[in-house]
Amino acid sequence: MMKPETIDIMNMKQRFYKTVCIGLLGLVVFSCIGVSELSSTPETENALQRLRKKIDDILATSSLKGASVGIQIISLDSQETVYERNPELSLNPASNTKLVTSAAALVRLTPQYQFQTSVYTDARLKDGVLEGHLYLKGGGDPGLTYQDLLALAQDVYYSGIRTITGDIVGDDTFFDDEREFSGWHDFDRAYSGKMSALSLGENSVHLIIKPSYRSGVAPEIVLNPPTSYIQIVNKAVTLSSNGIYASFAKNQPASDDESAQETLIVQGKISQKSQHGLSAYVNVNNPSLLTTTAFKDALQQVGITVKGKAATGTLPKKSRQLALFASEPLSSIIYESNKSSSNFVAEQILKTLGAEMFGSPGTTQKGIQAVQEFLVELGIQPDAYILENGSGLSRKNRFSAEQIVTLLQYMHTDFSVKAEYLASLAIAGVDGTLRRRLQDTQAERRLRAKTGYVRNVSCLSGYAASQENETFAFAILLNDYKTGTYDMRKIQNQIGLSLTEFYRQTYNASVAEKSRK
C-alpha cells in the first residue's frame, strides 16, 4: 500500500505568499509602465511637442486674423489632451450641432428605432366599397418616398378595398403645426424644407425640364415624386439656339384654404440641343397635403377608385388599422443627417425625440429638452451652451470645442451606439460632405467627421486615427473669419492630416506588448 503524501503546510504558505507578492509587484510595475508610456517618456513628449508645434504653425496663418478659434484634441487611448486652443470658448458650431442631435436620438430612441406611417379607417367595408374616409397617420418619417406610399396602397388593395367613397385624410398630429424651425429665415431653399409628421421626399419636389424635339414647342416637364398636388403652368419654350435658362415661380392660392393645391409657373427658354435639360428642387408649402395627395395618387395607381379629395384632419379614436409601413432603422436614417448634412432629417429627428420622450405632439422645444437631459448626464449643463434647433442652421447656437469633444468621447465609449454613430460620419476622401477632401492622403478613410458651415462659420469635428491606430476625438470651430471658406477648410484638413500622420514609437511598442500578453 502506498503511503499518503505528507503536505508541508508552512512551505506551501510561503510559496503562495511569494507567488502573490511577485505577481502583484509585476502588476504594479506593468500598470505604471502602461500609464507612463504615453505621457512622460522622452520619445512621447518629443512627438507630442512636434505635433503641437505643427498645429501652432498651421494656425499662424494670416487668414485667421481677427477670427475666433476653438480647438480641442484628445487621445481616446491615453485620455491625454493632445492639443487645445480656447477649448471653453462658446462658438457657433453650424452643422456640428447634428452630432449632438443624432447622439441624443441614438441613445434615447436606440439605433433600431423605426418611424411608422399607418393607414386607418372607421368606415364600413361592403363588397369592396369603403363607405367613408381613409386615414394616413404620419409618424415623422424623414425618409418616406412615393414607393413607400405605393407599398401602403398595395396593402390597402389586398385588404379588399376597391372603391373609397370618402376622402383620403392625412393626420400629422404626431408633430405640432410649426412648419419652420427656429433660427432660420429662408425656407425656399432645398436645404431647408418645411417640417411635418407627414412628409415626403424632404418636402420638396424635383422639377425636371427636358427640351422638345421641335423648336418653338413647350418643353416636357416632369415632377418627382409624381403628384397631382402641384399644378404646372408651362410657359417655357424650346429653342434651336444654344441659350438655356428658366425660372420657376409659385402662384400662391388666393384663399387660406389648406386644401388648396400649389401652382408652379415655369417660364424661360431651353435649347433643343440640351442633353440633360434643367432641374431644380422646389419646396412645398403644405407637406402634409403633399404627402396625402401623393398617397391618393398611389391608391389610384394600384387600382382603387377614390371618389373623395385629399385633405388633412385627425384620426377618429375608434379606427382600425389596415396597413403599416416601418422606416429603415434610425441607425441608417442618421446617415442622411451626418454624412449628407440634411437639415430636414435632423429637425424631424429632434421633433420625434421630443414626441417619444414627452408625448405627442412633438415640438422643437420638447426635442431640445430631451437633448438637454442627455447632455446633463455627460456633465454639460443647459446654461453652458445655446441650442436653438437640431440642424445647426442657426446664428444663435453655441457650443465649445471642449463640449463637443466630451460628447465624442462619450459616444466612443458607449458600446451600444458606438458603431452606429461612427458609421454615420462622413469618411475623408470617400463619402458624404468629406468625399472630396483629403483624397489620396494619409487621412483618407482614417478620419471620420461632421462638417459645418454657415456664413463666416466653418467647423469640423469627429475622429481620426494615427499611423499606429491611436484614436483621437477632435473639434475645430472657426468663426468670424474674413477670408474665404476654402482657407478654413484647408486649415482643418491640415490639422486632420497631421493627426493621421502622427507617430510615437513608445505608443506603438506599448500596444504591441499588450497584444502579445
Protein backbone atom coordinates (compact mmCIF):
# COMPACT_ATOMS: atom_id res chain seq x y z
CA MET A 1 0.00 0.00 0.00
CA MET A 2 1.30 3.41 -0.96
CA LYS A 3 1.90 5.89 1.81
CA PRO A 4 -0.12 9.09 1.64
CA GLU A 5 1.93 12.15 0.71
CA THR A 6 2.99 14.43 3.51
CA ILE A 7 1.95 18.05 2.84
CA ASP A 8 4.15 20.77 4.31
CA ILE A 9 1.60 23.45 5.10
CA MET A 10 4.15 26.06 6.13
CA ASN A 11 6.25 25.68 2.98
CA MET A 12 3.12 25.81 0.85
CA LYS A 13 2.03 29.06 2.50
CA GLN A 14 5.46 30.58 1.96
CA ARG A 15 5.45 29.62 -1.72
CA PHE A 16 1.92 31.04 -2.10
CA TYR A 17 2.83 34.34 -0.48
CA LYS A 18 5.94 34.65 -2.66
CA THR A 19 3.89 33.98 -5.80
CA VAL A 20 1.22 36.51 -4.88
CA CYS A 21 3.77 39.17 -3.95
CA ILE A 22 5.76 38.68 -7.13
CA GLY A 23 2.54 38.73 -9.18
CA LEU A 24 1.30 41.90 -7.52
CA LEU A 25 4.69 43.55 -7.95
CA GLY A 26 4.65 42.65 -11.64
CA LEU A 27 1.13 44.03 -11.97
CA VAL A 28 2.12 47.31 -10.31
CA VAL A 29 5.21 47.66 -12.49
CA PHE A 30 3.27 46.82 -15.65
CA SER A 31 0.49 49.27 -14.73
CA CYS A 32 2.97 52.04 -14.09
CA ILE A 33 4.62 51.41 -17.43
CA GLY A 34 1.26 51.36 -19.22
CA VAL A 35 0.24 54.75 -17.80
CA SER A 36 3.58 56.49 -18.16
CA GLU A 37 4.50 55.21 -21.61
CA LEU A 38 2.05 57.59 -23.30
CA SER A 39 2.60 60.62 -21.14
CA SER A 40 6.07 61.09 -19.79
CA THR A 41 8.74 59.27 -21.80
CA PRO A 42 11.12 61.44 -23.82
CA GLU A 43 10.05 59.90 -27.14
CA THR A 44 6.38 60.55 -26.43
CA GLU A 45 6.97 64.08 -25.23
CA ASN A 46 9.09 64.89 -28.26
CA ALA A 47 6.47 63.51 -30.62
CA LEU A 48 3.71 65.48 -28.92
CA GLN A 49 5.78 68.65 -28.94
CA ARG A 50 6.38 68.28 -32.66
CA LEU A 51 2.67 67.73 -33.30
CA ARG A 52 1.69 70.72 -31.17
CA LYS A 53 4.21 72.95 -32.91
CA LYS A 54 2.97 71.74 -36.28
CA ILE A 55 -0.62 72.69 -35.38
CA ASP A 56 0.57 76.03 -34.00
CA ASP A 57 2.30 76.70 -37.31
CA ILE A 58 -0.88 75.79 -39.22
CA LEU A 59 -2.91 78.22 -37.11
CA ALA A 60 -0.34 81.00 -37.56
CA THR A 61 -1.78 81.80 -40.99
CA SER A 62 -2.92 85.34 -41.70
CA SER A 63 -6.30 84.02 -42.86
CA LEU A 64 -7.26 83.60 -39.18
CA LYS A 65 -6.50 87.21 -38.30
CA GLY A 66 -9.43 88.51 -36.25
CA ALA A 67 -11.13 85.09 -36.27
CA SER A 68 -12.44 83.21 -33.22
CA VAL A 69 -10.82 79.79 -32.85
CA GLY A 70 -11.78 76.92 -30.55
CA ILE A 71 -9.91 73.62 -30.77
CA GLN A 72 -9.52 70.54 -28.62
CA ILE A 73 -7.91 67.20 -29.48
CA ILE A 74 -7.99 64.29 -27.01
CA SER A 75 -6.37 60.87 -27.30
CA LEU A 76 -9.12 58.35 -26.65
CA ASP A 77 -6.49 55.74 -25.74
CA SER A 78 -4.49 57.65 -23.13
CA GLN A 79 -7.14 60.32 -22.33
CA GLU A 80 -4.46 63.00 -22.57
CA THR A 81 -5.03 66.37 -24.16
CA VAL A 82 -3.03 66.35 -27.37
CA TYR A 83 -3.78 69.95 -28.30
CA GLU A 84 -6.16 72.73 -27.37
CA ARG A 85 -6.71 76.39 -28.04
CA ASN A 86 -9.59 78.26 -26.40
CA PRO A 87 -11.36 74.93 -25.73
CA GLU A 88 -14.00 76.55 -23.49
CA LEU A 89 -14.85 79.39 -25.91
CA SER A 90 -18.52 79.21 -26.97
CA LEU A 91 -18.75 79.39 -30.76
CA ASN A 92 -21.29 78.71 -33.48
CA PRO A 93 -20.87 75.01 -34.39
CA ALA A 94 -23.07 75.24 -37.52
CA SER A 95 -23.93 71.69 -38.66
CA ASN A 96 -21.70 70.16 -35.99
CA THR A 97 -24.91 70.58 -33.98
CA LYS A 98 -26.10 67.44 -35.78
CA LEU A 99 -23.52 65.48 -33.79
CA VAL A 100 -25.45 66.40 -30.65
CA THR A 101 -28.92 65.74 -32.10
CA SER A 102 -28.03 62.35 -33.58
CA ALA A 103 -26.18 61.25 -30.44
CA ALA A 104 -29.13 62.03 -28.18
CA ALA A 105 -31.51 60.26 -30.59
CA LEU A 106 -29.36 57.12 -30.82
CA VAL A 107 -29.03 56.87 -27.04
CA ARG A 108 -32.63 57.70 -26.15
CA LEU A 109 -34.51 56.07 -29.06
CA THR A 110 -31.96 53.26 -29.73
CA PRO A 111 -30.39 52.54 -33.14
CA GLN A 112 -33.20 50.15 -34.12
CA TYR A 113 -35.96 52.75 -33.71
CA GLN A 114 -38.30 52.91 -36.73
CA PHE A 115 -40.65 55.68 -37.84
CA GLN A 116 -44.15 54.38 -38.57
CA THR A 117 -46.67 55.51 -41.17
CA SER A 118 -50.06 53.84 -40.89
CA VAL A 119 -53.38 53.59 -42.71
CA TYR A 120 -56.67 53.51 -40.77
CA THR A 121 -60.38 53.70 -41.33
CA ASP A 122 -63.52 53.95 -39.23
CA ALA A 123 -65.82 53.21 -42.16
CA ARG A 124 -67.68 50.05 -43.15
CA LEU A 125 -66.34 47.89 -45.95
CA LYS A 126 -69.04 46.22 -48.05
CA ASP A 127 -68.48 44.37 -51.31
CA GLY A 128 -65.14 46.10 -51.87
CA VAL A 129 -66.55 49.58 -51.20
CA LEU A 130 -65.26 51.55 -48.22
CA GLU A 131 -68.18 53.73 -47.23
CA GLY A 132 -66.29 56.61 -45.68
CA HIS A 133 -62.83 58.10 -45.22
CA LEU A 134 -59.40 56.51 -45.32
CA TYR A 135 -56.77 57.98 -42.97
CA LEU A 136 -53.00 58.25 -43.40
CA LYS A 137 -51.32 58.70 -39.99
CA GLY A 138 -47.81 60.15 -40.03
CA GLY A 139 -45.07 59.26 -37.57
CA GLY A 140 -42.42 61.80 -38.55
CA ASP A 141 -40.57 59.61 -41.07
CA PRO A 142 -37.98 61.90 -42.72
CA GLY A 143 -37.23 59.40 -45.48
CA LEU A 144 -40.70 58.47 -46.73
CA THR A 145 -40.81 58.01 -50.53
CA TYR A 146 -43.52 57.60 -53.14
CA GLN A 147 -42.53 53.92 -53.43
CA ASP A 148 -43.29 53.53 -49.73
CA LEU A 149 -46.72 55.06 -50.29
CA LEU A 150 -47.27 52.63 -53.17
CA ALA A 151 -46.47 49.75 -50.80
CA LEU A 152 -49.07 51.05 -48.34
CA ALA A 153 -51.59 51.47 -51.14
CA GLN A 154 -50.95 47.90 -52.26
CA ASP A 155 -51.66 46.66 -48.73
CA VAL A 156 -54.92 48.61 -48.75
CA TYR A 157 -55.82 46.91 -52.03
CA TYR A 158 -55.01 43.49 -50.53
CA SER A 159 -57.37 44.26 -47.63
CA GLY A 160 -60.22 44.04 -50.14
CA ILE A 161 -60.87 47.73 -50.82
CA ARG A 162 -61.60 48.63 -54.44
CA THR A 163 -63.54 51.87 -54.04
CA ILE A 164 -63.42 54.62 -51.42
CA THR A 165 -66.46 56.87 -51.27
CA GLY A 166 -64.96 59.37 -48.82
CA ASP A 167 -61.78 61.43 -48.63
CA ILE A 168 -58.17 60.49 -48.10
CA VAL A 169 -57.34 62.29 -44.86
CA GLY A 170 -53.79 62.93 -43.65
CA ASP A 171 -53.22 63.08 -39.88
CA ASP A 172 -50.00 64.93 -38.98
CA THR A 173 -50.73 65.46 -35.27
CA PHE A 174 -47.69 63.45 -34.14
CA PHE A 175 -45.93 66.83 -34.54
CA ASP A 176 -47.14 70.33 -33.81
CA ASP A 177 -48.16 72.56 -36.71
CA GLU A 178 -44.96 74.63 -36.70
CA ARG A 179 -43.52 74.00 -40.17
CA GLU A 180 -40.41 76.18 -39.96
CA PHE A 181 -37.65 75.56 -37.42
CA SER A 182 -36.43 78.45 -35.33
CA GLY A 183 -33.14 80.13 -36.09
CA TRP A 184 -33.52 80.32 -39.87
CA HIS A 185 -35.39 82.54 -42.31
CA ASP A 186 -35.09 81.20 -45.89
CA PHE A 187 -37.37 78.20 -46.36
CA ASP A 188 -37.46 78.34 -50.15
CA ARG A 189 -34.10 76.62 -50.35
CA ALA A 190 -33.94 72.85 -50.89
CA TYR A 191 -31.71 72.50 -47.82
CA SER A 192 -34.44 73.91 -45.54
CA GLY A 193 -37.64 72.06 -46.33
CA LYS A 194 -40.63 72.58 -44.05
CA MET A 195 -41.38 70.02 -41.34
CA SER A 196 -44.36 67.73 -40.82
CA ALA A 197 -45.18 64.38 -39.27
CA LEU A 198 -46.43 63.53 -42.79
CA SER A 199 -43.51 64.29 -45.06
CA LEU A 200 -42.47 63.10 -48.50
CA GLY A 201 -39.08 63.47 -50.16
CA GLU A 202 -37.89 66.09 -47.64
CA ASN A 203 -40.97 68.09 -48.66
CA SER A 204 -39.59 69.29 -51.95
CA VAL A 205 -40.29 68.15 -55.49
CA HIS A 206 -37.69 67.60 -58.17
CA LEU A 207 -38.62 69.60 -61.24
CA ILE A 208 -37.06 68.31 -64.48
CA ILE A 209 -37.34 70.28 -67.73
CA LYS A 210 -36.48 68.48 -70.98
CA PRO A 211 -36.43 70.20 -74.39
CA SER A 212 -38.96 69.25 -77.04
CA TYR A 213 -37.77 67.62 -80.24
CA ARG A 214 -39.12 70.67 -82.13
CA SER A 215 -38.18 74.33 -81.82
CA GLY A 216 -40.95 76.66 -80.69
CA VAL A 217 -42.74 73.94 -78.71
CA ALA A 218 -43.11 73.86 -74.94
CA PRO A 219 -40.57 71.59 -73.20
CA GLU A 220 -41.52 68.46 -71.28
CA ILE A 221 -41.83 68.92 -67.52
CA VAL A 222 -41.59 66.02 -65.09
CA LEU A 223 -42.18 66.05 -61.32
CA ASN A 224 -40.52 63.61 -58.95
CA PRO A 225 -42.25 62.34 -56.93
CA PRO A 226 -45.20 62.39 -59.31
CA THR A 227 -48.09 64.17 -57.62
CA SER A 228 -51.29 65.97 -58.55
CA TYR A 229 -50.73 68.27 -55.57
CA ILE A 230 -48.71 70.63 -57.76
CA GLN A 231 -50.25 72.02 -60.92
CA ILE A 232 -47.75 73.05 -63.59
CA VAL A 233 -48.28 76.10 -65.80
CA ASN A 234 -45.79 75.65 -68.63
CA LYS A 235 -44.88 78.96 -70.26
CA ALA A 236 -41.40 77.85 -71.33
CA VAL A 237 -40.35 77.29 -74.93
CA THR A 238 -37.80 75.15 -76.77
CA LEU A 239 -35.31 76.98 -79.00
CA SER A 240 -32.90 75.76 -81.66
CA SER A 241 -30.15 78.08 -80.32
CA ASN A 242 -27.69 77.26 -77.56
CA GLY A 243 -29.26 79.55 -74.99
CA ILE A 244 -30.62 77.88 -71.89
CA TYR A 245 -32.35 79.37 -68.90
CA ALA A 246 -35.57 79.02 -66.99
CA SER A 247 -37.27 80.41 -63.90
CA PHE A 248 -39.84 78.97 -61.51
CA ALA A 249 -42.45 80.88 -59.56
CA LYS A 250 -45.07 79.69 -57.09
CA ASN A 251 -48.54 81.05 -57.61
CA GLN A 252 -49.95 81.30 -54.09
CA PRO A 253 -53.63 80.32 -53.69
CA ALA A 254 -55.98 83.26 -53.39
CA SER A 255 -57.51 81.86 -50.20
CA ASP A 256 -56.06 80.49 -46.98
CA ASP A 257 -57.66 77.12 -47.64
CA GLU A 258 -55.12 74.49 -46.57
CA SER A 259 -56.62 72.01 -49.02
CA ALA A 260 -55.72 74.24 -51.97
CA GLN A 261 -53.15 72.88 -54.36
CA GLU A 262 -49.99 74.72 -55.30
CA THR A 263 -49.33 76.03 -58.79
CA LEU A 264 -45.84 76.22 -60.22
CA ILE A 265 -45.25 78.54 -63.16
CA VAL A 266 -42.34 77.55 -65.40
CA GLN A 267 -41.10 80.09 -67.91
CA GLY A 268 -37.98 80.74 -69.97
CA LYS A 269 -36.15 79.11 -72.84
CA ILE A 270 -34.29 75.84 -73.23
CA SER A 271 -32.07 74.76 -76.07
CA GLN A 272 -33.17 71.90 -78.26
CA LYS A 273 -29.53 70.75 -78.10
CA SER A 274 -29.54 70.38 -74.33
CA GLN A 275 -28.86 66.75 -73.48
CA HIS A 276 -29.74 66.80 -69.79
CA GLY A 277 -32.17 69.71 -69.63
CA LEU A 278 -32.67 71.69 -66.47
CA SER A 279 -33.63 70.61 -62.99
CA ALA A 280 -34.35 72.20 -59.63
CA TYR A 281 -35.79 71.31 -56.24
CA VAL A 282 -38.83 73.31 -55.14
CA ASN A 283 -40.08 73.29 -51.54
CA VAL A 284 -43.80 72.91 -50.91
CA ASN A 285 -45.87 75.00 -48.52
CA ASN A 286 -48.07 72.23 -47.10
CA PRO A 287 -46.06 69.00 -46.67
CA SER A 288 -48.96 67.10 -45.09
CA LEU A 289 -51.24 67.75 -48.04
CA LEU A 290 -48.45 66.91 -50.47
CA THR A 291 -48.00 63.50 -48.82
CA THR A 292 -51.73 62.84 -48.56
CA THR A 293 -52.30 63.77 -52.20
CA ALA A 294 -49.42 61.53 -53.26
CA PHE A 295 -50.99 58.69 -51.27
CA LYS A 296 -54.31 59.29 -53.04
CA ASP A 297 -52.43 59.12 -56.36
CA ALA A 298 -50.78 55.86 -55.23
CA LEU A 299 -54.15 54.33 -54.32
CA GLN A 300 -55.47 55.13 -57.76
CA GLN A 301 -52.32 53.76 -59.36
CA VAL A 302 -52.82 50.33 -57.75
CA GLY A 303 -56.43 50.17 -58.96
CA ILE A 304 -58.52 51.71 -56.19
CA THR A 305 -61.15 54.27 -57.15
CA VAL A 306 -61.18 57.32 -54.86
CA LYS A 307 -64.32 59.46 -55.10
CA GLY A 308 -63.34 61.99 -52.46
CA LYS A 309 -60.48 64.50 -52.23
CA ALA A 310 -57.18 64.65 -50.39
CA ALA A 311 -57.45 66.61 -47.13
CA THR A 312 -55.90 66.91 -43.67
CA GLY A 313 -57.60 66.09 -40.38
CA THR A 314 -57.46 63.98 -37.23
CA LEU A 315 -57.79 60.23 -36.96
CA PRO A 316 -61.00 59.20 -35.14
CA LYS A 317 -60.43 57.33 -31.89
CA LYS A 318 -62.45 54.31 -32.97
CA SER A 319 -60.47 53.34 -36.06
CA ARG A 320 -58.92 50.12 -37.20
CA GLN A 321 -55.51 49.76 -38.80
CA LEU A 322 -55.33 48.47 -42.36
CA ALA A 323 -51.65 48.88 -43.22
CA LEU A 324 -48.34 49.86 -41.65
CA PHE A 325 -45.03 50.98 -43.13
CA ALA A 326 -41.94 50.99 -40.90
CA SER A 327 -38.92 53.00 -41.95
CA GLU A 328 -35.32 51.89 -42.04
CA PRO A 329 -33.78 51.89 -38.55
CA LEU A 330 -32.62 55.18 -37.05
CA SER A 331 -29.02 53.99 -37.43
CA SER A 332 -29.48 54.22 -41.21
CA ILE A 333 -31.51 57.42 -41.22
CA ILE A 334 -28.86 59.42 -39.35
CA TYR A 335 -26.56 58.78 -42.32
CA GLU A 336 -28.52 61.50 -44.12
CA SER A 337 -28.20 63.82 -41.15
CA ASN A 338 -24.48 63.32 -40.53
CA LYS A 339 -22.91 62.18 -43.79
CA SER A 340 -25.01 64.33 -46.14
CA SER A 341 -25.79 67.02 -43.53
CA SER A 342 -29.54 67.04 -44.18
CA ASN A 343 -31.08 69.83 -42.11
CA PHE A 344 -34.57 68.45 -42.70
CA VAL A 345 -33.70 64.98 -41.36
CA ALA A 346 -32.05 66.46 -38.25
CA GLU A 347 -35.07 68.63 -37.44
CA GLN A 348 -37.51 65.73 -37.97
CA ILE A 349 -35.40 63.57 -35.64
CA LEU A 350 -35.39 66.31 -32.99
CA LYS A 351 -39.20 66.61 -33.01
CA THR A 352 -39.56 62.82 -32.96
CA LEU A 353 -37.24 62.66 -29.96
CA GLY A 354 -39.44 65.19 -28.21
CA ALA A 355 -42.62 63.27 -29.02
CA GLU A 356 -41.23 59.95 -27.82
CA MET A 357 -39.74 61.35 -24.61
CA PHE A 358 -42.52 63.73 -23.56
CA GLY A 359 -45.57 62.73 -25.62
CA SER A 360 -47.05 63.99 -28.85
CA PRO A 361 -47.25 66.42 -30.40
CA GLY A 362 -43.52 66.52 -30.92
CA THR A 363 -42.10 70.03 -30.85
CA THR A 364 -38.66 71.52 -31.32
CA GLN A 365 -38.69 72.65 -27.69
CA LYS A 366 -39.52 69.15 -26.41
CA GLY A 367 -36.69 67.79 -28.54
CA ILE A 368 -34.28 70.35 -27.12
CA GLN A 369 -35.38 69.40 -23.59
CA ALA A 370 -34.59 65.75 -24.36
CA VAL A 371 -31.15 66.73 -25.66
CA GLN A 372 -30.52 68.86 -22.56
CA GLU A 373 -31.32 65.98 -20.24
CA PHE A 374 -28.98 63.74 -22.22
CA LEU A 375 -26.12 66.26 -22.09
CA VAL A 376 -26.53 66.70 -18.32
CA GLU A 377 -25.56 63.03 -17.97
CA LEU A 378 -22.31 63.94 -19.74
CA GLY A 379 -21.69 66.79 -17.30
CA ILE A 380 -22.72 69.50 -19.78
CA GLN A 381 -25.23 71.84 -18.12
CA PRO A 382 -28.01 73.64 -20.10
CA ASP A 383 -26.71 77.09 -19.19
CA ALA A 384 -23.28 76.29 -20.67
CA TYR A 385 -24.43 76.30 -24.31
CA ILE A 386 -27.21 77.56 -26.61
CA LEU A 387 -29.29 75.12 -28.65
CA GLU A 388 -31.95 76.71 -30.85
CA ASN A 389 -32.61 73.87 -33.29
CA GLY A 390 -31.38 70.41 -34.21
CA SER A 391 -29.68 71.05 -37.53
CA GLY A 392 -27.31 73.90 -36.73
CA LEU A 393 -28.82 76.15 -39.40
CA SER A 394 -28.78 78.99 -36.92
CA ARG A 395 -26.90 82.13 -35.93
CA LYS A 396 -27.57 81.60 -32.22
CA ASN A 397 -26.40 78.05 -31.49
CA ARG A 398 -23.29 77.99 -29.30
CA PHE A 399 -21.07 75.12 -28.15
CA SER A 400 -17.43 74.93 -27.15
CA ALA A 401 -14.83 72.60 -28.65
CA GLU A 402 -14.46 71.00 -25.21
CA GLN A 403 -18.19 70.20 -25.03
CA ILE A 404 -18.21 68.62 -28.48
CA VAL A 405 -15.16 66.51 -27.65
CA THR A 406 -16.81 65.43 -24.39
CA LEU A 407 -19.76 64.22 -26.47
CA LEU A 408 -17.47 62.41 -28.91
CA GLN A 409 -15.65 60.72 -26.02
CA TYR A 410 -18.92 59.52 -24.53
CA MET A 411 -20.24 58.12 -27.81
CA HIS A 412 -16.94 56.31 -28.38
CA THR A 413 -17.19 54.54 -25.02
CA ASP A 414 -20.89 53.60 -25.20
CA PHE A 415 -20.70 50.19 -26.88
CA SER A 416 -24.46 50.10 -27.56
CA VAL A 417 -24.29 53.03 -30.01
CA LYS A 418 -20.59 53.45 -30.83
CA ALA A 419 -20.60 51.55 -34.13
CA GLU A 420 -23.74 53.23 -35.49
CA TYR A 421 -22.57 56.70 -34.50
CA LEU A 422 -19.13 56.28 -36.04
CA ALA A 423 -20.60 54.81 -39.23
CA SER A 424 -22.89 57.82 -39.66
CA LEU A 425 -19.99 60.25 -40.06
CA ALA A 426 -18.54 61.29 -43.40
CA ILE A 427 -15.34 59.42 -44.33
CA ALA A 428 -12.48 61.59 -45.57
CA GLY A 429 -11.92 61.17 -49.28
CA VAL A 430 -14.75 58.64 -49.62
CA ASP A 431 -18.31 59.85 -48.97
CA GLY A 432 -20.64 62.47 -47.59
CA THR A 433 -19.50 66.05 -47.20
CA LEU A 434 -15.86 64.86 -46.95
CA ARG A 435 -15.77 62.86 -50.17
CA ARG A 436 -13.66 65.46 -51.99
CA ARG A 437 -11.47 66.39 -49.05
CA LEU A 438 -8.16 64.74 -48.11
CA GLN A 439 -8.24 62.32 -51.04
CA ASP A 440 -5.03 60.38 -51.69
CA THR A 441 -3.54 61.35 -48.33
CA GLN A 442 -2.81 59.52 -45.10
CA ALA A 443 -6.15 60.86 -43.82
CA GLU A 444 -8.26 59.09 -46.45
CA ARG A 445 -10.50 56.58 -44.65
CA ARG A 446 -8.68 57.38 -41.39
CA LEU A 447 -10.68 60.46 -40.49
CA ARG A 448 -14.44 60.46 -39.90
CA ALA A 449 -16.12 63.71 -39.05
CA LYS A 450 -19.03 66.12 -39.35
CA THR A 451 -18.56 69.29 -41.33
CA GLY A 452 -20.35 72.55 -40.54
CA TYR A 453 -20.87 75.77 -42.43
CA VAL A 454 -22.93 78.94 -42.34
CA ARG A 455 -21.62 82.33 -43.42
CA ASN A 456 -18.31 83.11 -41.63
CA VAL A 457 -18.52 79.81 -39.71
CA SER A 458 -16.60 76.67 -40.62
CA CYS A 459 -16.25 73.64 -38.35
CA LEU A 460 -15.00 70.07 -38.41
CA SER A 461 -15.41 67.62 -35.52
CA GLY A 462 -15.03 63.87 -35.27
CA TYR A 463 -12.44 61.13 -35.01
CA ALA A 464 -9.03 60.45 -36.54
CA ALA A 465 -6.60 57.54 -36.29
CA SER A 466 -2.82 57.90 -36.24
CA GLN A 467 -0.39 55.67 -38.13
CA GLU A 468 -0.46 53.09 -35.33
CA ASN A 469 -4.24 53.42 -34.81
CA GLU A 470 -4.18 55.68 -31.79
CA THR A 471 -7.63 57.27 -31.94
CA PHE A 472 -8.29 60.97 -31.40
CA ALA A 473 -11.51 62.89 -30.81
CA PHE A 474 -11.26 66.43 -32.09
CA ALA A 475 -13.28 69.61 -32.59
CA ILE A 476 -12.14 72.52 -34.75
CA LEU A 477 -14.50 75.52 -34.58
CA LEU A 478 -13.63 78.58 -36.69
CA ASN A 479 -15.87 81.68 -36.51
CA ASP A 480 -15.81 85.29 -37.69
CA TYR A 481 -13.08 84.87 -40.30
CA LYS A 482 -12.74 87.48 -43.01
CA THR A 483 -11.29 85.31 -45.77
CA GLY A 484 -12.98 82.57 -47.77
CA THR A 485 -14.25 79.23 -46.51
CA TYR A 486 -11.64 77.47 -48.67
CA ASP A 487 -8.89 78.77 -46.35
CA MET A 488 -10.73 77.46 -43.28
CA ARG A 489 -11.19 74.02 -44.79
CA LYS A 490 -7.52 73.98 -45.70
CA ILE A 491 -6.63 74.61 -42.05
CA GLN A 492 -8.98 71.84 -40.89
CA ASN A 493 -7.58 69.46 -43.50
CA GLN A 494 -4.01 70.16 -42.43
CA ILE A 495 -4.78 69.53 -38.77
CA GLY A 496 -6.69 66.35 -39.59
CA LEU A 497 -3.86 65.14 -41.80
CA SER A 498 -1.34 65.87 -39.03
CA LEU A 499 -3.29 63.62 -36.67
CA THR A 500 -3.39 60.73 -39.12
CA GLU A 501 0.34 61.12 -39.85
CA PHE A 502 1.20 61.27 -36.15
CA TYR A 503 3.51 58.55 -34.86
CA ARG A 504 5.07 57.93 -31.46
CA GLN A 505 7.23 54.87 -31.16
CA THR A 506 6.58 54.28 -27.46
CA TYR A 507 2.83 54.05 -28.06
CA ASN A 508 3.39 51.53 -30.83
CA ALA A 509 5.66 49.41 -28.65
CA SER A 510 3.16 49.53 -25.79
CA VAL A 511 0.32 48.33 -28.00
CA ALA A 512 2.45 45.53 -29.41
CA GLU A 513 3.47 44.44 -25.93
CA LYS A 514 -0.12 44.38 -24.69
CA SER A 515 -1.28 42.38 -27.73
CA ARG A 516 1.39 39.74 -27.04
CA LYS A 517 0.20 39.40 -23.46
